[in-house]
Amino acid sequence: MTLDLKFFAVVFSTIFLAEIGDKTQLATLLFATEKEAGLWIVFAASSLALACASGIAVLGGTLISQYVEPKLLSYVAGIAFIIVGAWTIWAA
């Protein structure tokens, strides 16, 4: 396995931008405001949680790709994001 820096940059920037301002980041921000909480504890715990969630996503994606064509999965995910976005706008 070789390190594909271009692919790494695409994955990093996509996930980074997707996580900015989401509820996970807001929850982490709130934990960091606790006076008793050590900032490194909040950072380490939230980083580990995100790494574990990402690990589950990678394993799930690997398993699903054995049965579903990745391009079809991409279309389904895109449609799901559009539906969730439309529902969020409609519910507001």
C-alpha atoms as a PDB file:
ATOM      1  CA  MET A   1       0.000   0.000   0.000  1.00  0.00           C
ATOM      2  CA  THR A   2       1.421   3.365  -1.030  1.00  0.00           C
ATOM      3  CA  LEU A   3       0.385   6.742   0.316  1.00  0.00           C
ATOM      4  CA  ASP A   4      -1.621   8.607  -2.310  1.00  0.00           C
ATOM      5  CA  LEU A   5      -1.257  12.199  -1.099  1.00  0.00           C
ATOM      6  CA  LYS A   6      -3.854  13.556  -3.530  1.00  0.00           C
ATOM      7  CA  PHE A   7      -6.493  11.070  -2.328  1.00  0.00           C
ATOM      8  CA  PHE A   8      -5.471  11.718   1.292  1.00  0.00           C
ATOM      9  CA  ALA A   9      -5.961  15.469   0.746  1.00  0.00           C
ATOM     10  CA  VAL A  10      -9.388  14.922  -0.845  1.00  0.00           C
ATOM     11  CA  VAL A  11     -10.573  12.696   2.016  1.00  0.00           C
ATOM     12  CA  PHE A  12      -9.127  15.013   4.677  1.00  0.00           C
ATOM     13  CA  SER A  13     -10.587  18.198   3.217  1.00  0.00           C
ATOM     14  CA  THR A  14     -13.996  16.624   2.566  1.00  0.00           C
ATOM     15  CA  ILE A  15     -14.339  15.246   6.084  1.00  0.00           C
ATOM     16  CA  PHE A  16     -12.866  18.380   7.655  1.00  0.00           C
ATOM     17  CA  LEU A  17     -15.337  20.650   5.844  1.00  0.00           C
ATOM     18  CA  ALA A  18     -18.240  18.303   6.593  1.00  0.00           C
ATOM     19  CA  GLU A  19     -17.424  18.350  10.305  1.00  0.00           C
ATOM     20  CA  ILE A  20     -17.071  22.134  10.664  1.00  0.00           C
ATOM     21  CA  GLY A  21     -20.062  23.457  12.568  1.00  0.00           C
ATOM     22  CA  ASP A  22     -21.905  20.152  12.871  1.00  0.00           C
ATOM     23  CA  LYS A  23     -23.524  18.954  16.069  1.00  0.00           C
ATOM     24  CA  THR A  24     -20.474  16.860  16.993  1.00  0.00           C
ATOM     25  CA  GLN A  25     -18.227  19.905  16.913  1.00  0.00           C
ATOM     26  CA  LEU A  26     -20.767  21.935  18.876  1.00  0.00           C
ATOM     27  CA  ALA A  27     -20.981  19.210  21.522  1.00  0.00           C
ATOM     28  CA  THR A  28     -17.182  19.154  21.766  1.00  0.00           C
ATOM     29  CA  LEU A  29     -17.178  22.941  22.102  1.00  0.00           C
ATOM     30  CA  LEU A  30     -19.654  22.702  24.981  1.00  0.00           C
ATOM     31  CA  PHE A  31     -17.568  20.048  26.750  1.00  0.00           C
ATOM     32  CA  ALA A  32     -14.520  22.306  26.405  1.00  0.00           C
ATOM     33  CA  THR A  33     -16.345  25.108  28.259  1.00  0.00           C
ATOM     34  CA  GLU A  34     -16.568  23.005  31.417  1.00  0.00           C
ATOM     35  CA  LYS A  35     -14.140  24.484  33.937  1.00  0.00           C
ATOM     36  CA  GLU A  36     -13.400  21.104  35.511  1.00  0.00           C
ATOM     37  CA  ALA A  37     -12.716  19.413  32.184  1.00  0.00           C
ATOM     38  CA  GLY A  38      -9.153  19.204  31.038  1.00  0.00           C
ATOM     39  CA  LEU A  39      -8.853  20.469  27.486  1.00  0.00           C
ATOM     40  CA  TRP A  40      -6.565  17.598  26.524  1.00  0.00           C
ATOM     41  CA  ILE A  41      -9.129  15.115  27.892  1.00  0.00           C
ATOM     42  CA  VAL A  42     -11.866  16.708  25.756  1.00  0.00           C
ATOM     43  CA  PHE A  43      -9.563  16.721  22.715  1.00  0.00           C
ATOM     44  CA  ALA A  44      -8.418  13.128  23.214  1.00  0.00           C
ATOM     45  CA  ALA A  45     -11.918  11.773  23.914  1.00  0.00           C
ATOM     46  CA  SER A  46     -13.549  13.587  20.992  1.00  0.00           C
ATOM     47  CA  SER A  47     -10.702  12.604  18.647  1.00  0.00           C
ATOM     48  CA  LEU A  48     -10.935   8.959  19.695  1.00  0.00           C
ATOM     49  CA  ALA A  49     -14.732   9.001  19.273  1.00  0.00           C
ATOM     50  CA  LEU A  50     -14.421  10.447  15.765  1.00  0.00           C
ATOM     51  CA  ALA A  51     -11.692   7.916  14.906  1.00  0.00           C
ATOM     52  CA  CYS A  52     -13.901   5.035  16.113  1.00  0.00           C
ATOM     53  CA  ALA A  53     -16.928   6.333  14.186  1.00  0.00           C
ATOM     54  CA  SER A  54     -14.747   6.702  11.093  1.00  0.00           C
ATOM     55  CA  GLY A  55     -13.418   3.180  11.589  1.00  0.00           C
ATOM     56  CA  ILE A  56     -16.965   1.833  11.661  1.00  0.00           C
ATOM     57  CA  ALA A  57     -17.736   3.787   8.474  1.00  0.00           C
ATOM     58  CA  VAL A  58     -14.635   2.404   6.727  1.00  0.00           C
ATOM     59  CA  LEU A  59     -15.466  -1.175   7.743  1.00  0.00           C
ATOM     60  CA  GLY A  60     -19.100  -0.685   6.725  1.00  0.00           C
ATOM     61  CA  GLY A  61     -18.105   0.831   3.396  1.00  0.00           C
ATOM     62  CA  THR A  62     -15.731  -2.040   2.720  1.00  0.00           C
ATOM     63  CA  LEU A  63     -18.424  -4.595   3.530  1.00  0.00           C
ATOM     64  CA  ILE A  64     -21.144  -2.837   1.510  1.00  0.00           C
ATOM     65  CA  SER A  65     -18.844  -2.398  -1.508  1.00  0.00           C
ATOM     66  CA  GLN A  66     -18.603  -6.181  -1.775  1.00  0.00           C
ATOM     67  CA  TYR A  67     -22.334  -6.324  -2.576  1.00  0.00           C
ATOM     68  CA  VAL A  68     -23.185  -2.906  -4.029  1.00  0.00           C
ATOM     69  CA  GLU A  69     -21.480  -1.106  -6.910  1.00  0.00           C
ATOM     70  CA  PRO A  70     -19.641   1.941  -5.462  1.00  0.00           C
ATOM     71  CA  LYS A  71     -21.097   4.245  -8.135  1.00  0.00           C
ATOM     72  CA  LEU A  72     -24.645   3.190  -7.215  1.00  0.00           C
ATOM     73  CA  LEU A  73     -23.827   3.695  -3.548  1.00  0.00           C
ATOM     74  CA  SER A  74     -22.567   7.190  -4.384  1.00  0.00           C
ATOM     75  CA  TYR A  75     -25.860   8.018  -6.117  1.00  0.00           C
ATOM     76  CA  VAL A  76     -27.899   6.654  -3.201  1.00  0.00           C
ATOM     77  CA  ALA A  77     -25.839   8.652  -0.696  1.00  0.00           C
ATOM     78  CA  GLY A  78     -26.206  11.812  -2.792  1.00  0.00           C
ATOM     79  CA  ILE A  79     -29.973  11.392  -3.040  1.00  0.00           C
ATOM     80  CA  ALA A  80     -30.159  10.723   0.708  1.00  0.00           C
ATOM     81  CA  PHE A  81     -28.246  13.945   1.437  1.00  0.00           C
ATOM     82  CA  ILE A  82     -30.618  15.893  -0.814  1.00  0.00           C
ATOM     83  CA  ILE A  83     -33.655  14.373   0.914  1.00  0.00           C
ATOM     84  CA  VAL A  84     -32.272  15.137   4.382  1.00  0.00           C
ATOM     85  CA  GLY A  85     -31.429  18.696   3.315  1.00  0.00           C
ATOM     86  CA  ALA A  86     -34.893  19.243   1.823  1.00  0.00           C
ATOM     87  CA  TRP A  87     -36.544  17.784   4.917  1.00  0.00           C
ATOM     88  CA  THR A  88     -34.433  20.024   7.164  1.00  0.00           C
ATOM     89  CA  ILE A  89     -35.446  23.120   5.178  1.00  0.00           C
ATOM     90  CA  TRP A  90     -39.106  22.025   5.111  1.00  0.00           C
ATOM     91  CA  ALA A  91     -39.153  21.266   8.867  1.00  0.00           C
ATOM     92  CA  ALA A  92     -37.680  24.682   9.684  1.00  0.00           C
END
